[in-house]
Every structure is written in C-alpha cells, then in structure tokens.
C-alpha cells in the first residue's frame, strides 16, 4: 500500500507543478486586498501614484525594481 500512497503524492505534486503562475498584477491586487489596503494606501507606502498601482494590477505597466523591493518589504 505504501507505493499507492506514493503515487497519490506524486500525482498531486505533478498537478500542482503544472499550474500557471499567478500574474504579477493579480498577485499585487490579491495581497493588497488581503491586507485591507486601498490602492491609495499601497501607493502612499510605495511613494507611487494610485494610477500607477491600478496599472500594475491591470497589467498595463510593470513596477520598477525599486518598487518591487519596497513591496517585498
């Protein structure tokens, strides 16, 4: 039976490893909302504009390296 259990674990691993990566903008939005921050709150913390945060989340712009470092915190 141990081999059967191992096959289940392997199959779970394989199905997880083939999942698509979450787009950066979606990840920014998800983490921001988990913290109950508005786009303006995040913009203030990053010294960026609310429009810039909106563009990051919509995938219309990419944050600079500096901004990514600040978000990583």
PDB file of N, CA and C in Angstrom:
ATOM      1  N   UNK A   1       0.806  -1.200   0.000  1.00  0.00           N
ATOM      2  CA  UNK A   1       0.000   0.000   0.000  1.00  0.00           C
ATOM      3  C   UNK A   1       0.850   1.267   0.000  1.00  0.00           C
ATOM      4  N   UNK A   2       2.077   1.195   0.486  1.00  0.00           N
ATOM      5  CA  UNK A   2       2.906   2.392   0.522  1.00  0.00           C
ATOM      6  C   UNK A   2       3.152   2.943  -0.874  1.00  0.00           C
ATOM      7  N   UNK A   3       3.322   2.052  -1.855  1.00  0.00           N
ATOM      8  CA  UNK A   3       3.524   2.509  -3.223  1.00  0.00           C
ATOM      9  C   UNK A   3       2.330   3.274  -3.753  1.00  0.00           C
ATOM     10  N   UNK A   4       1.119   2.832  -3.396  1.00  0.00           N
ATOM     11  CA  UNK A   4      -0.092   3.514  -3.834  1.00  0.00           C
ATOM     12  C   UNK A   4      -0.140   4.925  -3.271  1.00  0.00           C
ATOM     13  N   UNK A   5       0.190   5.051  -1.985  1.00  0.00           N
ATOM     14  CA  UNK A   5       0.208   6.366  -1.348  1.00  0.00           C
ATOM     15  C   UNK A   5       1.243   7.269  -2.023  1.00  0.00           C
ATOM     16  N   UNK A   6       2.383   6.682  -2.348  1.00  0.00           N
ATOM     17  CA  UNK A   6       3.414   7.453  -3.029  1.00  0.00           C
ATOM     18  C   UNK A   6       2.953   7.941  -4.390  1.00  0.00           C
ATOM     19  N   UNK A   7       2.192   7.114  -5.097  1.00  0.00           N
ATOM     20  CA  UNK A   7       1.666   7.521  -6.402  1.00  0.00           C
ATOM     21  C   UNK A   7       0.704   8.687  -6.267  1.00  0.00           C
ATOM     22  N   UNK A   8      -0.114   8.680  -5.223  1.00  0.00           N
ATOM     23  CA  UNK A   8      -1.051   9.782  -4.998  1.00  0.00           C
ATOM     24  C   UNK A   8      -0.272  11.068  -4.747  1.00  0.00           C
ATOM     25  N   UNK A   9       0.751  10.990  -3.904  1.00  0.00           N
ATOM     26  CA  UNK A   9       1.559  12.173  -3.618  1.00  0.00           C
ATOM     27  C   UNK A   9       2.242  12.673  -4.882  1.00  0.00           C
ATOM     28  N   UNK A  10       2.756  11.778  -5.687  1.00  0.00           N
ATOM     29  CA  UNK A  10       3.411  12.164  -6.936  1.00  0.00           C
ATOM     30  C   UNK A  10       2.412  12.830  -7.872  1.00  0.00           C
ATOM     31  N   UNK A  11       1.219  12.256  -7.987  1.00  0.00           N
ATOM     32  CA  UNK A  11       0.201  12.832  -8.865  1.00  0.00           C
ATOM     33  C   UNK A  11      -0.220  14.224  -8.388  1.00  0.00           C
ATOM     34  N   UNK A  12      -0.334  14.407  -7.068  1.00  0.00           N
ATOM     35  CA  UNK A  12      -0.669  15.724  -6.531  1.00  0.00           C
ATOM     36  C   UNK A  12       0.449  16.720  -6.841  1.00  0.00           C
ATOM     37  N   UNK A  13       1.692  16.285  -6.675  1.00  0.00           N
ATOM     38  CA  UNK A  13       2.838  17.141  -6.979  1.00  0.00           C
ATOM     39  C   UNK A  13       2.835  17.538  -8.448  1.00  0.00           C
ATOM     40  N   UNK A  14       2.618  16.582  -9.311  1.00  0.00           N
ATOM     41  CA  UNK A  14       2.639  16.860 -10.747  1.00  0.00           C
ATOM     42  C   UNK A  14       1.517  17.807 -11.153  1.00  0.00           C
ATOM     43  N   UNK A  15       0.339  17.645 -10.571  1.00  0.00           N
ATOM     44  CA  UNK A  15      -0.759  18.533 -10.937  1.00  0.00           C
ATOM     45  C   UNK A  15      -0.494  19.945 -10.433  1.00  0.00           C
ATOM     46  N   UNK A  16       0.142  20.083  -9.273  1.00  0.00           N
ATOM     47  CA  UNK A  16       0.461  21.408  -8.743  1.00  0.00           C
ATOM     48  C   UNK A  16       1.584  22.062  -9.531  1.00  0.00           C
ATOM     49  N   UNK A  17       2.552  21.292  -9.985  1.00  0.00           N
ATOM     50  CA  UNK A  17       3.701  21.867 -10.675  1.00  0.00           C
ATOM     51  C   UNK A  17       3.343  22.335 -12.079  1.00  0.00           C
ATOM     52  N   UNK A  18       2.197  21.906 -12.612  1.00  0.00           N
ATOM     53  CA  UNK A  18       1.782  22.320 -13.947  1.00  0.00           C
ATOM     54  C   UNK A  18       0.794  23.480 -13.922  1.00  0.00           C
ATOM     55  N   UNK A  19       0.522  24.013 -12.753  1.00  0.00           N
ATOM     56  CA  UNK A  19      -0.378  25.149 -12.657  1.00  0.00           C
ATOM     57  C   UNK A  19       0.331  26.388 -13.187  1.00  0.00           C
ATOM     58  N   UNK A  20      -0.438  27.274 -13.802  1.00  0.00           N
ATOM     59  CA  UNK A  20       0.137  28.517 -14.311  1.00  0.00           C
ATOM     60  C   UNK A  20       0.482  29.438 -13.152  1.00  0.00           C
ATOM     61  N   UNK A  21       1.548  30.188 -13.316  1.00  0.00           N
ATOM     62  CA  UNK A  21       1.945  31.154 -12.300  1.00  0.00           C
ATOM     63  C   UNK A  21       0.928  32.295 -12.275  1.00  0.00           C
ATOM     64  N   UNK A  22       0.680  32.813 -11.098  1.00  0.00           N
ATOM     65  CA  UNK A  22      -0.247  33.933 -10.947  1.00  0.00           C
ATOM     66  C   UNK A  22       0.402  35.183 -11.549  1.00  0.00           C
ATOM     67  N   UNK A  23      -0.295  35.881 -12.426  1.00  0.00           N
ATOM     68  CA  UNK A  23       0.268  37.119 -12.984  1.00  0.00           C
ATOM     69  C   UNK A  23       0.606  38.118 -11.868  1.00  0.00           C
ATOM     70  N   UNK A  24       1.662  38.887 -12.067  1.00  0.00           N
ATOM     71  CA  UNK A  24       2.137  39.815 -11.035  1.00  0.00           C
ATOM     72  C   UNK A  24       1.045  40.785 -10.610  1.00  0.00           C
ATOM     73  N   UNK A  25       0.327  41.351 -11.562  1.00  0.00           N
ATOM     74  CA  UNK A  25      -0.720  42.309 -11.221  1.00  0.00           C
ATOM     75  C   UNK A  25      -1.801  41.701 -10.345  1.00  0.00           C
ATOM     76  N   UNK A  26      -2.204  40.475 -10.664  1.00  0.00           N
ATOM     77  CA  UNK A  26      -3.207  39.788  -9.847  1.00  0.00           C
ATOM     78  C   UNK A  26      -2.672  39.513  -8.449  1.00  0.00           C
ATOM     79  N   UNK A  27      -1.392  39.167  -8.375  1.00  0.00           N
ATOM     80  CA  UNK A  27      -0.786  38.899  -7.059  1.00  0.00           C
ATOM     81  C   UNK A  27      -0.736  40.177  -6.223  1.00  0.00           C
ATOM     82  N   UNK A  28      -0.361  41.289  -6.846  1.00  0.00           N
ATOM     83  CA  UNK A  28      -0.324  42.573  -6.129  1.00  0.00           C
ATOM     84  C   UNK A  28      -1.714  42.895  -5.593  1.00  0.00           C
ATOM     85  N   UNK A  29      -2.731  42.778  -6.443  1.00  0.00           N
ATOM     86  CA  UNK A  29      -4.101  43.090  -6.029  1.00  0.00           C
ATOM     87  C   UNK A  29      -4.568  42.162  -4.909  1.00  0.00           C
ATOM     88  N   UNK A  30      -4.274  40.869  -5.031  1.00  0.00           N
ATOM     89  CA  UNK A  30      -4.703  39.901  -4.017  1.00  0.00           C
ATOM     90  C   UNK A  30      -4.064  40.195  -2.663  1.00  0.00           C
ATOM     91  N   UNK A  31      -2.756  40.436  -2.670  1.00  0.00           N
ATOM     92  CA  UNK A  31      -2.066  40.695  -1.405  1.00  0.00           C
ATOM     93  C   UNK A  31      -2.496  42.031  -0.801  1.00  0.00           C
ATOM     94  N   UNK A  32      -2.732  43.017  -1.656  1.00  0.00           N
ATOM     95  CA  UNK A  32      -3.192  44.325  -1.168  1.00  0.00           C
ATOM     96  C   UNK A  32      -4.548  44.185  -0.493  1.00  0.00           C
ATOM     97  N   UNK A  33      -5.472  43.491  -1.131  1.00  0.00           N
ATOM     98  CA  UNK A  33      -6.814  43.360  -0.552  1.00  0.00           C
ATOM     99  C   UNK A  33      -6.808  42.475   0.692  1.00  0.00           C
ATOM    100  N   UNK A  34      -5.906  41.502   0.756  1.00  0.00           N
ATOM    101  CA  UNK A  34      -5.794  40.681   1.972  1.00  0.00           C
ATOM    102  C   UNK A  34      -5.404  41.535   3.168  1.00  0.00           C
ATOM    103  N   UNK A  35      -4.679  42.595   2.915  1.00  0.00           N
ATOM    104  CA  UNK A  35      -4.251  43.499   3.991  1.00  0.00           C
ATOM    105  C   UNK A  35      -5.256  44.623   4.232  1.00  0.00           C
ATOM    106  N   UNK A  36      -6.362  44.582   3.477  1.00  0.00           N
ATOM    107  CA  UNK A  36      -7.418  45.595   3.581  1.00  0.00           C
ATOM    108  C   UNK A  36      -6.887  46.985   3.254  1.00  0.00           C
ATOM    109  N   UNK A  37      -5.975  47.057   2.290  1.00  0.00           N
ATOM    110  CA  UNK A  37      -5.429  48.322   1.829  1.00  0.00           C
ATOM    111  C   UNK A  37      -6.142  48.726   0.540  1.00  0.00           C
ATOM    112  N   UNK A  38      -6.357  50.011   0.382  1.00  0.00           N
ATOM    113  CA  UNK A  38      -6.843  50.529  -0.893  1.00  0.00           C
ATOM    114  C   UNK A  38      -5.642  50.719  -1.811  1.00  0.00           C
ATOM    115  N   UNK A  39      -5.925  50.978  -3.078  1.00  0.00           N
ATOM    116  CA  UNK A  39      -4.822  51.290  -3.996  1.00  0.00           C
ATOM    117  C   UNK A  39      -4.095  52.544  -3.515  1.00  0.00           C
ATOM    118  N   UNK A  40      -4.841  53.491  -2.976  1.00  0.00           N
ATOM    119  CA  UNK A  40      -4.208  54.709  -2.447  1.00  0.00           C
ATOM    120  C   UNK A  40      -3.299  54.416  -1.267  1.00  0.00           C
ATOM    121  N   UNK A  41      -3.712  53.489  -0.395  1.00  0.00           N
ATOM    122  CA  UNK A  41      -2.863  53.093   0.751  1.00  0.00           C
ATOM    123  C   UNK A  41      -1.537  52.529   0.269  1.00  0.00           C
ATOM    124  N   UNK A  42      -1.616  51.609  -0.693  1.00  0.00           N
ATOM    125  CA  UNK A  42      -0.389  50.999  -1.212  1.00  0.00           C
ATOM    126  C   UNK A  42       0.464  52.045  -1.926  1.00  0.00           C
ATOM    127  N   UNK A  43      -0.177  52.895  -2.692  1.00  0.00           N
ATOM    128  CA  UNK A  43       0.558  53.948  -3.412  1.00  0.00           C
ATOM    129  C   UNK A  43       1.331  54.838  -2.435  1.00  0.00           C
ATOM    130  N   UNK A  44       0.695  55.198  -1.340  1.00  0.00           N
ATOM    131  CA  UNK A  44       1.357  56.041  -0.340  1.00  0.00           C
ATOM    132  C   UNK A  44       2.566  55.325   0.256  1.00  0.00           C
ATOM    133  N   UNK A  45       2.423  54.042   0.549  1.00  0.00           N
ATOM    134  CA  UNK A  45       3.529  53.267   1.127  1.00  0.00           C
ATOM    135  C   UNK A  45       4.704  53.137   0.160  1.00  0.00           C
ATOM    136  N   UNK A  46       4.406  53.165  -1.150  1.00  0.00           N
ATOM    137  CA  UNK A  46       5.453  52.986  -2.159  1.00  0.00           C
ATOM    138  C   UNK A  46       5.925  54.295  -2.775  1.00  0.00           C
ATOM    139  N   UNK A  47       5.348  55.408  -2.343  1.00  0.00           N
ATOM    140  CA  UNK A  47       5.642  56.717  -2.943  1.00  0.00           C
ATOM    141  C   UNK A  47       5.369  56.676  -4.453  1.00  0.00           C
ATOM    142  N   UNK A  48       4.217  56.102  -4.790  1.00  0.00           N
ATOM    143  CA  UNK A  48       3.781  55.996  -6.183  1.00  0.00           C
ATOM    144  C   UNK A  48       2.378  56.590  -6.261  1.00  0.00           C
ATOM    145  N   UNK A  49       1.862  56.718  -7.463  1.00  0.00           N
ATOM    146  CA  UNK A  49       0.501  57.227  -7.609  1.00  0.00           C
ATOM    147  C   UNK A  49      -0.505  56.080  -7.564  1.00  0.00           C
ATOM    148  N   UNK A  50      -1.741  56.415  -7.237  1.00  0.00           N
ATOM    149  CA  UNK A  50      -2.798  55.412  -7.241  1.00  0.00           C
ATOM    150  C   UNK A  50      -2.998  54.859  -8.641  1.00  0.00           C
ATOM    151  N   UNK A  51      -2.834  55.729  -9.649  1.00  0.00           N
ATOM    152  CA  UNK A  51      -2.974  55.301 -11.047  1.00  0.00           C
ATOM    153  C   UNK A  51      -1.891  54.270 -11.390  1.00  0.00           C
ATOM    154  N   UNK A  52      -0.675  54.471 -10.888  1.00  0.00           N
ATOM    155  CA  UNK A  52       0.403  53.501 -11.134  1.00  0.00           C
ATOM    156  C   UNK A  52       0.032  52.139 -10.555  1.00  0.00           C
ATOM    157  N   UNK A  53      -0.513  52.123  -9.335  1.00  0.00           N
ATOM    158  CA  UNK A  53      -0.917  50.857  -8.714  1.00  0.00           C
ATOM    159  C   UNK A  53      -2.013  50.201  -9.543  1.00  0.00           C
ATOM    160  N   UNK A  54      -2.951  50.995  -9.992  1.00  0.00           N
ATOM    161  CA  UNK A  54      -4.025  50.480 -10.846  1.00  0.00           C
ATOM    162  C   UNK A  54      -3.458  49.851 -12.116  1.00  0.00           C
ATOM    163  N   UNK A  55      -2.484  50.520 -12.712  1.00  0.00           N
ATOM    164  CA  UNK A  55      -1.861  49.994 -13.936  1.00  0.00           C
ATOM    165  C   UNK A  55      -1.070  48.712 -13.664  1.00  0.00           C
ATOM    166  N   UNK A  56      -0.394  48.631 -12.524  1.00  0.00           N
ATOM    167  CA  UNK A  56       0.319  47.397 -12.172  1.00  0.00           C
ATOM    168  C   UNK A  56      -0.671  46.243 -12.067  1.00  0.00           C
ATOM    169  N   UNK A  57      -1.769  46.485 -11.348  1.00  0.00           N
ATOM    170  CA  UNK A  57      -2.746  45.433 -11.105  1.00  0.00           C
ATOM    171  C   UNK A  57      -3.461  45.000 -12.383  1.00  0.00           C
ATOM    172  N   UNK A  58      -3.655  45.932 -13.300  1.00  0.00           N
ATOM    173  CA  UNK A  58      -4.339  45.626 -14.564  1.00  0.00           C
ATOM    174  C   UNK A  58      -3.391  45.046 -15.603  1.00  0.00           C
ATOM    175  N   UNK A  59      -2.094  45.031 -15.291  1.00  0.00           N
ATOM    176  CA  UNK A  59      -1.114  44.508 -16.237  1.00  0.00           C
ATOM    177  C   UNK A  59      -0.762  45.488 -17.340  1.00  0.00           C
ATOM    178  N   UNK A  60      -1.093  46.758 -17.147  1.00  0.00           N
ATOM    179  CA  UNK A  60      -0.798  47.780 -18.144  1.00  0.00           C
ATOM    180  C   UNK A  60       0.610  48.352 -17.989  1.00  0.00           C
ATOM    181  N   UNK A  61       1.202  48.151 -16.823  1.00  0.00           N
ATOM    182  CA  UNK A  61       2.557  48.629 -16.549  1.00  0.00           C
ATOM    183  C   UNK A  61       3.211  47.651 -15.584  1.00  0.00           C
ATOM    184  N   UNK A  62       4.527  47.645 -15.589  1.00  0.00           N
ATOM    185  CA  UNK A  62       5.290  46.802 -14.666  1.00  0.00           C
ATOM    186  C   UNK A  62       5.987  47.685 -13.642  1.00  0.00           C
ATOM    187  N   UNK A  63       5.971  47.273 -12.385  1.00  0.00           N
ATOM    188  CA  UNK A  63       6.668  48.060 -11.364  1.00  0.00           C
ATOM    189  C   UNK A  63       8.182  48.018 -11.581  1.00  0.00           C
ATOM    190  N   UNK A  64       8.835  49.086 -11.185  1.00  0.00           N
ATOM    191  CA  UNK A  64      10.293  49.136 -11.279  1.00  0.00           C
ATOM    192  C   UNK A  64      10.900  48.181 -10.254  1.00  0.00           C
ATOM    193  N   UNK A  65      12.174  47.936 -10.411  1.00  0.00           N
ATOM    194  CA  UNK A  65      12.883  47.086  -9.458  1.00  0.00           C
ATOM    195  C   UNK A  65      12.778  47.667  -8.051  1.00  0.00           C
ATOM    196  N   UNK A  66      12.918  48.972  -7.947  1.00  0.00           N
ATOM    197  CA  UNK A  66      12.814  49.660  -6.652  1.00  0.00           C
ATOM    198  C   UNK A  66      11.458  49.412  -6.026  1.00  0.00           C
ATOM    199  N   UNK A  67      10.394  49.529  -6.812  1.00  0.00           N
ATOM    200  CA  UNK A  67       9.032  49.329  -6.319  1.00  0.00           C
ATOM    201  C   UNK A  67       8.831  47.890  -5.864  1.00  0.00           C
ATOM    202  N   UNK A  68       9.366  46.953  -6.614  1.00  0.00           N
ATOM    203  CA  UNK A  68       9.259  45.534  -6.231  1.00  0.00           C
ATOM    204  C   UNK A  68       9.967  45.286  -4.905  1.00  0.00           C
ATOM    205  N   UNK A  69      11.137  45.882  -4.741  1.00  0.00           N
ATOM    206  CA  UNK A  69      11.886  45.734  -3.479  1.00  0.00           C
ATOM    207  C   UNK A  69      11.080  46.319  -2.332  1.00  0.00           C
ATOM    208  N   UNK A  70      10.458  47.476  -2.535  1.00  0.00           N
ATOM    209  CA  UNK A  70       9.644  48.086  -1.487  1.00  0.00           C
ATOM    210  C   UNK A  70       8.432  47.210  -1.146  1.00  0.00           C
ATOM    211  N   UNK A  71       7.805  46.623  -2.168  1.00  0.00           N
ATOM    212  CA  UNK A  71       6.648  45.759  -1.920  1.00  0.00           C
ATOM    213  C   UNK A  71       7.066  44.502  -1.169  1.00  0.00           C
ATOM    214  N   UNK A  72       8.266  43.998  -1.461  1.00  0.00           N
ATOM    215  CA  UNK A  72       8.741  42.778  -0.800  1.00  0.00           C
ATOM    216  C   UNK A  72       9.022  43.029   0.674  1.00  0.00           C
ATOM    217  N   UNK A  73       9.293  44.273   0.985  1.00  0.00           N
ATOM    218  CA  UNK A  73       9.389  44.744   2.283  1.00  0.00           C
ATOM    219  C   UNK A  73      10.276  44.497   3.335  1.00  0.00           C
TER     220      UNK A  73
END
